[in-house]
Amino acid sequence: MEKNENTLVSSKQKKAVKVVEKLLAAMHKDIKELNELKDIENNLETIKEKTVRISKICIALQSSLDLKQGGQVASNLNHLYQHIRFSVARVIDDNDFSYLQSAQKVTAELTEGWSKVSTAAA
């Protein structure tokens, strides 16, 4: 039973919300860990792994957006994901960690928001 009259959110939609919530939480955790790294030279492999993973999560989340039907919300999310990707690209390309703090704040807000959506959809 996918959807009935009494169900506002289908089980498929609930699963999608949970997936997004988990991806955002994983991305936030990785960004936070990157921000906390002290010895950059001895953690180059970890930095590479985390930045690649964050970028892949952002690409997956961006590709899930319906920019035609999603209106301003989808457009704003797209811009936020672009900012996160830019932030981690700066780390990879220039060893510039200065944008990660704002990316961490963005992912914290997104994670909190999706957690509320997930709770409401349950």
PDB file of N, CA and C in Angstrom:
ATOM      1  N   MET A   1       0.855  -1.165   0.000  1.00  0.00           N
ATOM      2  CA  MET A   1       0.000   0.000   0.000  1.00  0.00           C
ATOM      3  C   MET A   1       0.904   1.232   0.000  1.00  0.00           C
ATOM      4  N   GLU A   2       1.033   1.858  -1.135  1.00  0.00           N
ATOM      5  CA  GLU A   2       1.908   3.015  -1.300  1.00  0.00           C
ATOM      6  C   GLU A   2       1.280   4.281  -0.751  1.00  0.00           C
ATOM      7  N   LYS A   3      -0.001   4.470  -1.010  1.00  0.00           N
ATOM      8  CA  LYS A   3      -0.652   5.700  -0.569  1.00  0.00           C
ATOM      9  C   LYS A   3      -2.155   5.462  -0.489  1.00  0.00           C
ATOM     10  N   ASN A   4      -2.778   5.955   0.564  1.00  0.00           N
ATOM     11  CA  ASN A   4      -4.229   5.881   0.642  1.00  0.00           C
ATOM     12  C   ASN A   4      -4.769   7.247   1.051  1.00  0.00           C
ATOM     13  N   GLU A   5      -6.061   7.336   1.234  1.00  0.00           N
ATOM     14  CA  GLU A   5      -6.692   8.618   1.553  1.00  0.00           C
ATOM     15  C   GLU A   5      -6.171   9.228   2.849  1.00  0.00           C
ATOM     16  N   ASN A   6      -5.819   8.401   3.824  1.00  0.00           N
ATOM     17  CA  ASN A   6      -5.388   8.896   5.128  1.00  0.00           C
ATOM     18  C   ASN A   6      -3.892   9.218   5.187  1.00  0.00           C
ATOM     19  N   THR A   7      -3.158   8.886   4.145  1.00  0.00           N
ATOM     20  CA  THR A   7      -1.720   9.095   4.135  1.00  0.00           C
ATOM     21  C   THR A   7      -1.381  10.352   3.354  1.00  0.00           C
ATOM     22  N   LEU A   8      -0.784  11.324   4.032  1.00  0.00           N
ATOM     23  CA  LEU A   8      -0.388  12.560   3.360  1.00  0.00           C
ATOM     24  C   LEU A   8       0.934  12.396   2.618  1.00  0.00           C
ATOM     25  N   VAL A   9       1.813  11.568   3.158  1.00  0.00           N
ATOM     26  CA  VAL A   9       3.119  11.352   2.563  1.00  0.00           C
ATOM     27  C   VAL A   9       3.266   9.863   2.275  1.00  0.00           C
ATOM     28  N   SER A  10       3.585   9.521   1.035  1.00  0.00           N
ATOM     29  CA  SER A  10       3.722   8.113   0.667  1.00  0.00           C
ATOM     30  C   SER A  10       4.979   7.516   1.295  1.00  0.00           C
ATOM     31  N   SER A  11       5.025   6.201   1.360  1.00  0.00           N
ATOM     32  CA  SER A  11       6.206   5.537   1.929  1.00  0.00           C
ATOM     33  C   SER A  11       7.434   5.809   1.062  1.00  0.00           C
ATOM     34  N   LYS A  12       7.247   5.942  -0.235  1.00  0.00           N
ATOM     35  CA  LYS A  12       8.359   6.264  -1.137  1.00  0.00           C
ATOM     36  C   LYS A  12       8.912   7.658  -0.823  1.00  0.00           C
ATOM     37  N   GLN A  13       8.026   8.598  -0.568  1.00  0.00           N
ATOM     38  CA  GLN A  13       8.455   9.956  -0.214  1.00  0.00           C
ATOM     39  C   GLN A  13       9.160   9.967   1.141  1.00  0.00           C
ATOM     40  N   LYS A  14       8.663   9.189   2.083  1.00  0.00           N
ATOM     41  CA  LYS A  14       9.300   9.101   3.400  1.00  0.00           C
ATOM     42  C   LYS A  14      10.719   8.556   3.278  1.00  0.00           C
ATOM     43  N   LYS A  15      10.884   7.539   2.424  1.00  0.00           N
ATOM     44  CA  LYS A  15      12.215   6.966   2.211  1.00  0.00           C
ATOM     45  C   LYS A  15      13.147   7.994   1.582  1.00  0.00           C
ATOM     46  N   ALA A  16      12.641   8.757   0.632  1.00  0.00           N
ATOM     47  CA  ALA A  16      13.455   9.788  -0.022  1.00  0.00           C
ATOM     48  C   ALA A  16      13.895  10.847   0.985  1.00  0.00           C
ATOM     49  N   VAL A  17      12.995  11.239   1.860  1.00  0.00           N
ATOM     50  CA  VAL A  17      13.325  12.232   2.893  1.00  0.00           C
ATOM     51  C   VAL A  17      14.413  11.680   3.808  1.00  0.00           C
ATOM     52  N   LYS A  18      14.303  10.411   4.188  1.00  0.00           N
ATOM     53  CA  LYS A  18      15.307   9.781   5.054  1.00  0.00           C
ATOM     54  C   LYS A  18      16.670   9.720   4.367  1.00  0.00           C
ATOM     55  N   VAL A  19      16.677   9.403   3.073  1.00  0.00           N
ATOM     56  CA  VAL A  19      17.936   9.338   2.326  1.00  0.00           C
ATOM     57  C   VAL A  19      18.610  10.706   2.307  1.00  0.00           C
ATOM     58  N   VAL A  20      17.845  11.744   1.994  1.00  0.00           N
ATOM     59  CA  VAL A  20      18.401  13.103   1.969  1.00  0.00           C
ATOM     60  C   VAL A  20      18.917  13.478   3.353  1.00  0.00           C
ATOM     61  N   GLU A  21      18.156  13.158   4.373  1.00  0.00           N
ATOM     62  CA  GLU A  21      18.572  13.467   5.749  1.00  0.00           C
ATOM     63  C   GLU A  21      19.912  12.800   6.078  1.00  0.00           C
ATOM     64  N   LYS A  22      20.065  11.531   5.707  1.00  0.00           N
ATOM     65  CA  LYS A  22      21.309  10.805   5.986  1.00  0.00           C
ATOM     66  C   LYS A  22      22.478  11.362   5.185  1.00  0.00           C
ATOM     67  N   LEU A  23      22.231  11.719   3.923  1.00  0.00           N
ATOM     68  CA  LEU A  23      23.295  12.303   3.103  1.00  0.00           C
ATOM     69  C   LEU A  23      23.764  13.635   3.678  1.00  0.00           C
ATOM     70  N   LEU A  24      22.821  14.467   4.075  1.00  0.00           N
ATOM     71  CA  LEU A  24      23.181  15.763   4.657  1.00  0.00           C
ATOM     72  C   LEU A  24      23.955  15.590   5.962  1.00  0.00           C
ATOM     73  N   ALA A  25      23.527  14.648   6.796  1.00  0.00           N
ATOM     74  CA  ALA A  25      24.223  14.404   8.064  1.00  0.00           C
ATOM     75  C   ALA A  25      25.649  13.914   7.812  1.00  0.00           C
ATOM     76  N   ALA A  26      25.823  13.026   6.838  1.00  0.00           N
ATOM     77  CA  ALA A  26      27.160  12.519   6.511  1.00  0.00           C
ATOM     78  C   ALA A  26      28.045  13.643   5.976  1.00  0.00           C
ATOM     79  N   MET A  27      27.480  14.480   5.119  1.00  0.00           N
ATOM     80  CA  MET A  27      28.232  15.593   4.553  1.00  0.00           C
ATOM     81  C   MET A  27      28.637  16.570   5.660  1.00  0.00           C
ATOM     82  N   HIS A  28      27.710  16.874   6.554  1.00  0.00           N
ATOM     83  CA  HIS A  28      28.010  17.790   7.656  1.00  0.00           C
ATOM     84  C   HIS A  28      29.126  17.227   8.539  1.00  0.00           C
ATOM     85  N   LYS A  29      29.058  15.947   8.831  1.00  0.00           N
ATOM     86  CA  LYS A  29      30.077  15.296   9.660  1.00  0.00           C
ATOM     87  C   LYS A  29      31.448  15.405   8.997  1.00  0.00           C
ATOM     88  N   ASP A  30      31.520  15.138   7.699  1.00  0.00           N
ATOM     89  CA  ASP A  30      32.795  15.213   6.984  1.00  0.00           C
ATOM     90  C   ASP A  30      33.350  16.635   6.959  1.00  0.00           C
ATOM     91  N   ILE A  31      32.496  17.611   6.727  1.00  0.00           N
ATOM     92  CA  ILE A  31      32.953  19.004   6.705  1.00  0.00           C
ATOM     93  C   ILE A  31      33.453  19.414   8.088  1.00  0.00           C
ATOM     94  N   LYS A  32      32.729  19.016   9.110  1.00  0.00           N
ATOM     95  CA  LYS A  32      33.137  19.336  10.480  1.00  0.00           C
ATOM     96  C   LYS A  32      34.498  18.713  10.788  1.00  0.00           C
ATOM     97  N   GLU A  33      34.694  17.473  10.380  1.00  0.00           N
ATOM     98  CA  GLU A  33      35.974  16.799  10.615  1.00  0.00           C
ATOM     99  C   GLU A  33      37.099  17.471   9.836  1.00  0.00           C
ATOM    100  N   LEU A  34      36.834  17.912   8.621  1.00  0.00           N
ATOM    101  CA  LEU A  34      37.845  18.650   7.856  1.00  0.00           C
ATOM    102  C   LEU A  34      38.229  19.934   8.580  1.00  0.00           C
ATOM    103  N   ASN A  35      37.249  20.634   9.101  1.00  0.00           N
ATOM    104  CA  ASN A  35      37.500  21.881   9.833  1.00  0.00           C
ATOM    105  C   ASN A  35      38.346  21.657  11.079  1.00  0.00           C
ATOM    106  N   GLU A  36      38.255  20.482  11.656  1.00  0.00           N
ATOM    107  CA  GLU A  36      38.960  20.196  12.904  1.00  0.00           C
ATOM    108  C   GLU A  36      40.358  19.626  12.695  1.00  0.00           C
ATOM    109  N   LEU A  37      40.723  19.330  11.449  1.00  0.00           N
ATOM    110  CA  LEU A  37      42.055  18.782  11.190  1.00  0.00           C
ATOM    111  C   LEU A  37      43.122  19.802  11.560  1.00  0.00           C
ATOM    112  N   LYS A  38      44.097  19.356  12.301  1.00  0.00           N
ATOM    113  CA  LYS A  38      45.182  20.244  12.725  1.00  0.00           C
ATOM    114  C   LYS A  38      46.431  20.040  11.867  1.00  0.00           C
ATOM    115  N   ASP A  39      46.769  18.801  11.619  1.00  0.00           N
ATOM    116  CA  ASP A  39      47.995  18.474  10.888  1.00  0.00           C
ATOM    117  C   ASP A  39      47.644  18.144   9.440  1.00  0.00           C
ATOM    118  N   ILE A  40      47.578  19.166   8.619  1.00  0.00           N
ATOM    119  CA  ILE A  40      47.124  19.011   7.240  1.00  0.00           C
ATOM    120  C   ILE A  40      48.072  18.127   6.429  1.00  0.00           C
ATOM    121  N   GLU A  41      49.365  18.338   6.566  1.00  0.00           N
ATOM    122  CA  GLU A  41      50.341  17.592   5.760  1.00  0.00           C
ATOM    123  C   GLU A  41      50.272  16.090   5.993  1.00  0.00           C
ATOM    124  N   ASN A  42      49.985  15.679   7.210  1.00  0.00           N
ATOM    125  CA  ASN A  42      49.909  14.248   7.515  1.00  0.00           C
ATOM    126  C   ASN A  42      48.515  13.669   7.317  1.00  0.00           C
ATOM    127  N   ASN A  43      47.594  14.483   6.850  1.00  0.00           N
ATOM    128  CA  ASN A  43      46.222  14.021   6.632  1.00  0.00           C
ATOM    129  C   ASN A  43      45.757  14.241   5.194  1.00  0.00           C
ATOM    130  N   LEU A  44      46.684  14.303   4.270  1.00  0.00           N
ATOM    131  CA  LEU A  44      46.322  14.595   2.880  1.00  0.00           C
ATOM    132  C   LEU A  44      45.362  13.561   2.300  1.00  0.00           C
ATOM    133  N   GLU A  45      45.578  12.298   2.614  1.00  0.00           N
ATOM    134  CA  GLU A  45      44.699  11.247   2.088  1.00  0.00           C
ATOM    135  C   GLU A  45      43.290  11.375   2.670  1.00  0.00           C
ATOM    136  N   THR A  46      43.196  11.644   3.952  1.00  0.00           N
ATOM    137  CA  THR A  46      41.896  11.855   4.598  1.00  0.00           C
ATOM    138  C   THR A  46      41.189  13.057   3.996  1.00  0.00           C
ATOM    139  N   ILE A  47      41.932  14.131   3.784  1.00  0.00           N
ATOM    140  CA  ILE A  47      41.360  15.343   3.190  1.00  0.00           C
ATOM    141  C   ILE A  47      40.811  15.036   1.804  1.00  0.00           C
ATOM    142  N   LYS A  48      41.591  14.312   1.010  1.00  0.00           N
ATOM    143  CA  LYS A  48      41.146  13.966  -0.345  1.00  0.00           C
ATOM    144  C   LYS A  48      39.882  13.113  -0.297  1.00  0.00           C
ATOM    145  N   GLU A  49      39.872  12.088   0.547  1.00  0.00           N
ATOM    146  CA  GLU A  49      38.709  11.202   0.652  1.00  0.00           C
ATOM    147  C   GLU A  49      37.452  11.971   1.053  1.00  0.00           C
ATOM    148  N   LYS A  50      37.583  12.822   2.049  1.00  0.00           N
ATOM    149  CA  LYS A  50      36.418  13.570   2.538  1.00  0.00           C
ATOM    150  C   LYS A  50      35.932  14.594   1.518  1.00  0.00           C
ATOM    151  N   THR A  51      36.846  15.280   0.857  1.00  0.00           N
ATOM    152  CA  THR A  51      36.419  16.283  -0.121  1.00  0.00           C
ATOM    153  C   THR A  51      35.742  15.629  -1.321  1.00  0.00           C
ATOM    154  N   VAL A  52      36.252  14.495  -1.743  1.00  0.00           N
ATOM    155  CA  VAL A  52      35.621  13.771  -2.859  1.00  0.00           C
ATOM    156  C   VAL A  52      34.232  13.289  -2.441  1.00  0.00           C
ATOM    157  N   ARG A  53      34.127  12.753  -1.249  1.00  0.00           N
ATOM    158  CA  ARG A  53      32.831  12.262  -0.750  1.00  0.00           C
ATOM    159  C   ARG A  53      31.818  13.406  -0.629  1.00  0.00           C
ATOM    160  N   ILE A  54      32.242  14.537  -0.084  1.00  0.00           N
ATOM    161  CA  ILE A  54      31.357  15.699   0.049  1.00  0.00           C
ATOM    162  C   ILE A  54      30.886  16.159  -1.323  1.00  0.00           C
ATOM    163  N   SER A  55      31.806  16.234  -2.269  1.00  0.00           N
ATOM    164  CA  SER A  55      31.443  16.658  -3.629  1.00  0.00           C
ATOM    165  C   SER A  55      30.436  15.705  -4.259  1.00  0.00           C
ATOM    166  N   LYS A  56      30.642  14.414  -4.072  1.00  0.00           N
ATOM    167  CA  LYS A  56      29.715  13.425  -4.633  1.00  0.00           C
ATOM    168  C   LYS A  56      28.325  13.542  -4.009  1.00  0.00           C
ATOM    169  N   ILE A  57      28.282  13.758  -2.707  1.00  0.00           N
ATOM    170  CA  ILE A  57      26.985  13.930  -2.045  1.00  0.00           C
ATOM    171  C   ILE A  57      26.283  15.167  -2.589  1.00  0.00           C
ATOM    172  N   CYS A  58      27.030  16.263  -2.734  1.00  0.00           N
ATOM    173  CA  CYS A  58      26.436  17.500  -3.280  1.00  0.00           C
ATOM    174  C   CYS A  58      25.894  17.284  -4.685  1.00  0.00           C
ATOM    175  N   ILE A  59      26.659  16.599  -5.513  1.00  0.00           N
ATOM    176  CA  ILE A  59      26.213  16.335  -6.885  1.00  0.00           C
ATOM    177  C   ILE A  59      24.932  15.505  -6.867  1.00  0.00           C
ATOM    178  N   ALA A  60      24.886  14.489  -6.010  1.00  0.00           N
ATOM    179  CA  ALA A  60      23.679  13.659  -5.908  1.00  0.00           C
ATOM    180  C   ALA A  60      22.482  14.487  -5.453  1.00  0.00           C
ATOM    181  N   LEU A  61      22.689  15.332  -4.461  1.00  0.00           N
ATOM    182  CA  LEU A  61      21.591  16.166  -3.963  1.00  0.00           C
ATOM    183  C   LEU A  61      21.160  17.191  -5.008  1.00  0.00           C
ATOM    184  N   GLN A  62      22.120  17.783  -5.710  1.00  0.00           N
ATOM    185  CA  GLN A  62      21.773  18.741  -6.759  1.00  0.00           C
ATOM    186  C   GLN A  62      21.001  18.067  -7.885  1.00  0.00           C
ATOM    187  N   SER A  63      21.408  16.863  -8.247  1.00  0.00           N
ATOM    188  CA  SER A  63      20.729  16.183  -9.352  1.00  0.00           C
ATOM    189  C   SER A  63      19.327  15.722  -8.967  1.00  0.00           C
ATOM    190  N   SER A  64      19.041  15.669  -7.671  1.00  0.00           N
ATOM    191  CA  SER A  64      17.697  15.273  -7.237  1.00  0.00           C
ATOM    192  C   SER A  64      16.717  16.450  -7.225  1.00  0.00           C
ATOM    193  N   LEU A  65      17.229  17.653  -7.376  1.00  0.00           N
ATOM    194  CA  LEU A  65      16.363  18.840  -7.345  1.00  0.00           C
ATOM    195  C   LEU A  65      15.552  18.965  -8.628  1.00  0.00           C
ATOM    196  N   ASP A  66      14.301  19.334  -8.485  1.00  0.00           N
ATOM    197  CA  ASP A  66      13.443  19.635  -9.634  1.00  0.00           C
ATOM    198  C   ASP A  66      13.408  21.155  -9.767  1.00  0.00           C
ATOM    199  N   LEU A  67      14.325  21.680 -10.567  1.00  0.00           N
ATOM    200  CA  LEU A  67      14.467  23.133 -10.674  1.00  0.00           C
ATOM    201  C   LEU A  67      13.295  23.791 -11.391  1.00  0.00           C
ATOM    202  N   LYS A  68      12.548  23.013 -12.190  1.00  0.00           N
ATOM    203  CA  LYS A  68      11.382  23.583 -12.884  1.00  0.00           C
ATOM    204  C   LYS A  68      10.173  23.671 -11.959  1.00  0.00           C
ATOM    205  N   GLN A  69       9.908  22.611 -11.223  1.00  0.00           N
ATOM    206  CA  GLN A  69       8.730  22.565 -10.360  1.00  0.00           C
ATOM    207  C   GLN A  69       9.031  22.982  -8.919  1.00  0.00           C
ATOM    208  N   GLY A  70      10.298  22.975  -8.547  1.00  0.00           N
ATOM    209  CA  GLY A  70      10.672  23.242  -7.160  1.00  0.00           C
ATOM    210  C   GLY A  70      10.716  24.703  -6.773  1.00  0.00           C
ATOM    211  N   GLY A  71      10.623  25.569  -7.763  1.00  0.00           N
ATOM    212  CA  GLY A  71      10.565  27.001  -7.487  1.00  0.00           C
ATOM    213  C   GLY A  71      11.788  27.539  -6.773  1.00  0.00           C
ATOM    214  N   GLN A  72      11.547  28.525  -5.928  1.00  0.00           N
ATOM    215  CA  GLN A  72      12.625  29.226  -5.226  1.00  0.00           C
ATOM    216  C   GLN A  72      13.354  28.314  -4.241  1.00  0.00           C
ATOM    217  N   VAL A  73      12.639  27.382  -3.642  1.00  0.00           N
ATOM    218  CA  VAL A  73      13.274  26.466  -2.685  1.00  0.00           C
ATOM    219  C   VAL A  73      14.346  25.634  -3.385  1.00  0.00           C
ATOM    220  N   ALA A  74      14.003  25.040  -4.519  1.00  0.00           N
ATOM    221  CA  ALA A  74      14.967  24.231  -5.262  1.00  0.00           C
ATOM    222  C   ALA A  74      16.141  25.082  -5.733  1.00  0.00           C
ATOM    223  N   SER A  75      15.848  26.276  -6.195  1.00  0.00           N
ATOM    224  CA  SER A  75      16.907  27.181  -6.649  1.00  0.00           C
ATOM    225  C   SER A  75      17.852  27.542  -5.502  1.00  0.00           C
ATOM    226  N   ASN A  76      17.293  27.847  -4.348  1.00  0.00           N
ATOM    227  CA  ASN A  76      18.122  28.185  -3.183  1.00  0.00           C
ATOM    228  C   ASN A  76      18.971  27.001  -2.728  1.00  0.00           C
ATOM    229  N   LEU A  77      18.374  25.810  -2.704  1.00  0.00           N
ATOM    230  CA  LEU A  77      19.139  24.616  -2.341  1.00  0.00           C
ATOM    231  C   LEU A  77      20.276  24.382  -3.327  1.00  0.00           C
ATOM    232  N   ASN A  78      20.001  24.583  -4.606  1.00  0.00           N
ATOM    233  CA  ASN A  78      21.024  24.424  -5.628  1.00  0.00           C
ATOM    234  C   ASN A  78      22.203  25.361  -5.359  1.00  0.00           C
ATOM    235  N   HIS A  79      21.911  26.603  -5.030  1.00  0.00           N
ATOM    236  CA  HIS A  79      22.973  27.573  -4.734  1.00  0.00           C
ATOM    237  C   HIS A  79      23.763  27.177  -3.482  1.00  0.00           C
ATOM    238  N   LEU A  80      23.074  26.668  -2.484  1.00  0.00           N
ATOM    239  CA  LEU A  80      23.767  26.232  -1.267  1.00  0.00           C
ATOM    240  C   LEU A  80      24.691  25.050  -1.554  1.00  0.00           C
ATOM    241  N   TYR A  81      24.210  24.096  -2.351  1.00  0.00           N
ATOM    242  CA  TYR A  81      25.053  22.956  -2.718  1.00  0.00           C
ATOM    243  C   TYR A  81      26.244  23.411  -3.551  1.00  0.00           C
ATOM    244  N   GLN A  82      26.045  24.386  -4.431  1.00  0.00           N
ATOM    245  CA  GLN A  82      27.161  24.936  -5.209  1.00  0.00           C
ATOM    246  C   GLN A  82      28.202  25.562  -4.280  1.00  0.00           C
ATOM    247  N   HIS A  83      27.742  26.271  -3.271  1.00  0.00           N
ATOM    248  CA  HIS A  83      28.669  26.890  -2.313  1.00  0.00           C
ATOM    249  C   HIS A  83      29.484  25.820  -1.583  1.00  0.00           C
ATOM    250  N   ILE A  84      28.836  24.757  -1.184  1.00  0.00           N
ATOM    251  CA  ILE A  84      29.540  23.678  -0.489  1.00  0.00           C
ATOM    252  C   ILE A  84      30.584  23.060  -1.412  1.00  0.00           C
ATOM    253  N   ARG A  85      30.207  22.811  -2.656  1.00  0.00           N
ATOM    254  CA  ARG A  85      31.162  22.246  -3.618  1.00  0.00           C
ATOM    255  C   ARG A  85      32.332  23.192  -3.854  1.00  0.00           C
ATOM    256  N   PHE A  86      32.046  24.483  -3.964  1.00  0.00           N
ATOM    257  CA  PHE A  86      33.105  25.479  -4.121  1.00  0.00           C
ATOM    258  C   PHE A  86      34.045  25.439  -2.915  1.00  0.00           C
ATOM    259  N   SER A  87      33.476  25.344  -1.725  1.00  0.00           N
ATOM    260  CA  SER A  87      34.272  25.335  -0.492  1.00  0.00           C
ATOM    261  C   SER A  87      35.239  24.161  -0.452  1.00  0.00           C
ATOM    262  N   VAL A  88      34.761  22.978  -0.813  1.00  0.00           N
ATOM    263  CA  VAL A  88      35.660  21.816  -0.783  1.00  0.00           C
ATOM    264  C   VAL A  88      36.624  21.823  -1.962  1.00  0.00           C
ATOM    265  N   ALA A  89      36.227  22.420  -3.078  1.00  0.00           N
ATOM    266  CA  ALA A  89      37.152  22.552  -4.211  1.00  0.00           C
ATOM    267  C   ALA A  89      38.333  23.443  -3.827  1.00  0.00           C
ATOM    268  N   ARG A  90      38.078  24.474  -3.041  1.00  0.00           N
ATOM    269  CA  ARG A  90      39.158  25.353  -2.568  1.00  0.00           C
ATOM    270  C   ARG A  90      40.148  24.566  -1.711  1.00  0.00           C
ATOM    271  N   VAL A  91      39.650  23.632  -0.937  1.00  0.00           N
ATOM    272  CA  VAL A  91      40.529  22.805  -0.110  1.00  0.00           C
ATOM    273  C   VAL A  91      41.419  21.955  -1.007  1.00  0.00           C
ATOM    274  N   ILE A  92      40.818  21.298  -1.990  1.00  0.00           N
ATOM    275  CA  ILE A  92      41.567  20.411  -2.877  1.00  0.00           C
ATOM    276  C   ILE A  92      42.548  21.200  -3.741  1.00  0.00           C
ATOM    277  N   ASP A  93      42.060  22.258  -4.357  1.00  0.00           N
ATOM    278  CA  ASP A  93      42.862  22.990  -5.338  1.00  0.00           C
ATOM    279  C   ASP A  93      43.924  23.892  -4.717  1.00  0.00           C
ATOM    280  N   ASP A  94      43.604  24.526  -3.595  1.00  0.00           N
ATOM    281  CA  ASP A  94      44.483  25.567  -3.057  1.00  0.00           C
ATOM    282  C   ASP A  94      44.836  25.405  -1.578  1.00  0.00           C
ATOM    283  N   ASN A  95      44.473  24.275  -0.988  1.00  0.00           N
ATOM    284  CA  ASN A  95      44.672  24.104   0.459  1.00  0.00           C
ATOM    285  C   ASN A  95      44.075  25.261   1.248  1.00  0.00           C
ATOM    286  N   ASP A  96      42.970  25.782   0.754  1.00  0.00           N
ATOM    287  CA  ASP A  96      42.290  26.919   1.378  1.00  0.00           C
ATOM    288  C   ASP A  96      41.076  26.410   2.149  1.00  0.00           C
ATOM    289  N   PHE A  97      41.183  26.410   3.459  1.00  0.00           N
ATOM    290  CA  PHE A  97      40.122  25.905   4.331  1.00  0.00           C
ATOM    291  C   PHE A  97      39.188  27.019   4.797  1.00  0.00           C
ATOM    292  N   SER A  98      39.401  28.232   4.317  1.00  0.00           N
ATOM    293  CA  SER A  98      38.682  29.395   4.848  1.00  0.00           C
ATOM    294  C   SER A  98      37.179  29.367   4.576  1.00  0.00           C
ATOM    295  N   TYR A  99      36.746  28.675   3.537  1.00  0.00           N
ATOM    296  CA  TYR A  99      35.316  28.633   3.216  1.00  0.00           C
ATOM    297  C   TYR A  99      34.583  27.492   3.921  1.00  0.00           C
ATOM    298  N   LEU A 100      35.335  26.594   4.529  1.00  0.00           N
ATOM    299  CA  LEU A 100      34.702  25.426   5.154  1.00  0.00           C
ATOM    300  C   LEU A 100      33.816  25.792   6.339  1.00  0.00           C
ATOM    301  N   GLN A 101      34.161  26.842   7.043  1.00  0.00           N
ATOM    302  CA  GLN A 101      33.339  27.239   8.188  1.00  0.00           C
ATOM    303  C   GLN A 101      31.923  27.591   7.735  1.00  0.00           C
ATOM    304  N   SER A 102      31.811  28.347   6.636  1.00  0.00           N
ATOM    305  CA  SER A 102      30.468  28.693   6.148  1.00  0.00           C
ATOM    306  C   SER A 102      29.764  27.462   5.589  1.00  0.00           C
ATOM    307  N   ALA A 103      30.512  26.565   4.954  1.00  0.00           N
ATOM    308  CA  ALA A 103      29.914  25.321   4.457  1.00  0.00           C
ATOM    309  C   ALA A 103      29.400  24.477   5.621  1.00  0.00           C
ATOM    310  N   GLN A 104      30.132  24.483   6.718  1.00  0.00           N
ATOM    311  CA  GLN A 104      29.694  23.741   7.907  1.00  0.00           C
ATOM    312  C   GLN A 104      28.406  24.333   8.464  1.00  0.00           C
ATOM    313  N   LYS A 105      28.300  25.649   8.483  1.00  0.00           N
ATOM    314  CA  LYS A 105      27.072  26.296   8.957  1.00  0.00           C
ATOM    315  C   LYS A 105      25.895  25.959   8.046  1.00  0.00           C
ATOM    316  N   VAL A 106      26.147  25.973   6.740  1.00  0.00           N
ATOM    317  CA  VAL A 106      25.093  25.649   5.772  1.00  0.00           C
ATOM    318  C   VAL A 106      24.606  24.222   5.982  1.00  0.00           C
ATOM    319  N   THR A 107      25.546  23.280   6.098  1.00  0.00           N
ATOM    320  CA  THR A 107      25.133  21.882   6.266  1.00  0.00           C
ATOM    321  C   THR A 107      24.448  21.661   7.612  1.00  0.00           C
ATOM    322  N   ALA A 108      24.843  22.400   8.630  1.00  0.00           N
ATOM    323  CA  ALA A 108      24.166  22.282   9.933  1.00  0.00           C
ATOM    324  C   ALA A 108      22.707  22.712   9.811  1.00  0.00           C
ATOM    325  N   GLU A 109      22.470  23.827   9.137  1.00  0.00           N
ATOM    326  CA  GLU A 109      21.098  24.323   8.943  1.00  0.00           C
ATOM    327  C   GLU A 109      20.278  23.364   8.086  1.00  0.00           C
ATOM    328  N   LEU A 110      20.877  22.888   6.997  1.00  0.00           N
ATOM    329  CA  LEU A 110      20.164  21.956   6.116  1.00  0.00           C
ATOM    330  C   LEU A 110      19.840  20.655   6.845  1.00  0.00           C
ATOM    331  N   THR A 111      20.805  20.145   7.593  1.00  0.00           N
ATOM    332  CA  THR A 111      20.598  18.899   8.331  1.00  0.00           C
ATOM    333  C   THR A 111      19.481  19.061   9.357  1.00  0.00           C
ATOM    334  N   GLU A 112      19.495  20.168  10.063  1.00  0.00           N
ATOM    335  CA  GLU A 112      18.444  20.430  11.054  1.00  0.00           C
ATOM    336  C   GLU A 112      17.076  20.546  10.382  1.00  0.00           C
ATOM    337  N   GLY A 113      17.021  21.243   9.265  1.00  0.00           N
ATOM    338  CA  GLY A 113      15.757  21.404   8.542  1.00  0.00           C
ATOM    339  C   GLY A 113      15.211  20.083   8.037  1.00  0.00           C
ATOM    340  N   TRP A 114      16.082  19.261   7.444  1.00  0.00           N
ATOM    341  CA  TRP A 114      15.629  17.970   6.935  1.00  0.00           C
ATOM    342  C   TRP A 114      15.248  17.030   8.066  1.00  0.00           C
ATOM    343  N   SER A 115      15.890  17.164   9.205  1.00  0.00           N
ATOM    344  CA  SER A 115      15.508  16.353  10.358  1.00  0.00           C
ATOM    345  C   SER A 115      14.072  16.671  10.778  1.00  0.00           C
ATOM    346  N   LYS A 116      13.720  17.949  10.733  1.00  0.00           N
ATOM    347  CA  LYS A 116      12.347  18.357  11.059  1.00  0.00           C
ATOM    348  C   LYS A 116      11.364  17.842  10.015  1.00  0.00           C
ATOM    349  N   VAL A 117      11.749  17.900   8.748  1.00  0.00           N
ATOM    350  CA  VAL A 117      10.895  17.375   7.675  1.00  0.00           C
ATOM    351  C   VAL A 117      10.697  15.881   7.870  1.00  0.00           C
ATOM    352  N   SER A 118      11.788  15.186   8.177  1.00  0.00           N
ATOM    353  CA  SER A 118      11.727  13.740   8.378  1.00  0.00           C
ATOM    354  C   SER A 118      10.812  13.381   9.545  1.00  0.00           C
ATOM    355  N   THR A 119      10.903  14.127  10.622  1.00  0.00           N
ATOM    356  CA  THR A 119      10.042  13.889  11.785  1.00  0.00           C
ATOM    357  C   THR A 119       8.582  14.141  11.437  1.00  0.00           C
ATOM    358  N   ALA A 120       8.329  15.206  10.705  1.00  0.00           N
ATOM    359  CA  ALA A 120       6.953  15.540  10.314  1.00  0.00           C
ATOM    360  C   ALA A 120       6.377  14.514   9.345  1.00  0.00           C
ATOM    361  N   ALA A 121       7.238  13.927   8.509  1.00  0.00           N
ATOM    362  CA  ALA A 121       6.774  12.967   7.508  1.00  0.00           C
ATOM    363  C   ALA A 121       6.547  11.581   8.099  1.00  0.00           C
ATOM    364  N   ALA A 122       7.108  11.330   9.263  1.00  0.00           N
ATOM    365  CA  ALA A 122       7.028   9.990   9.864  1.00  0.00           C
ATOM    366  C   ALA A 122       5.622   9.620  10.273  1.00  0.00           C
TER     367      ALA A 122
END
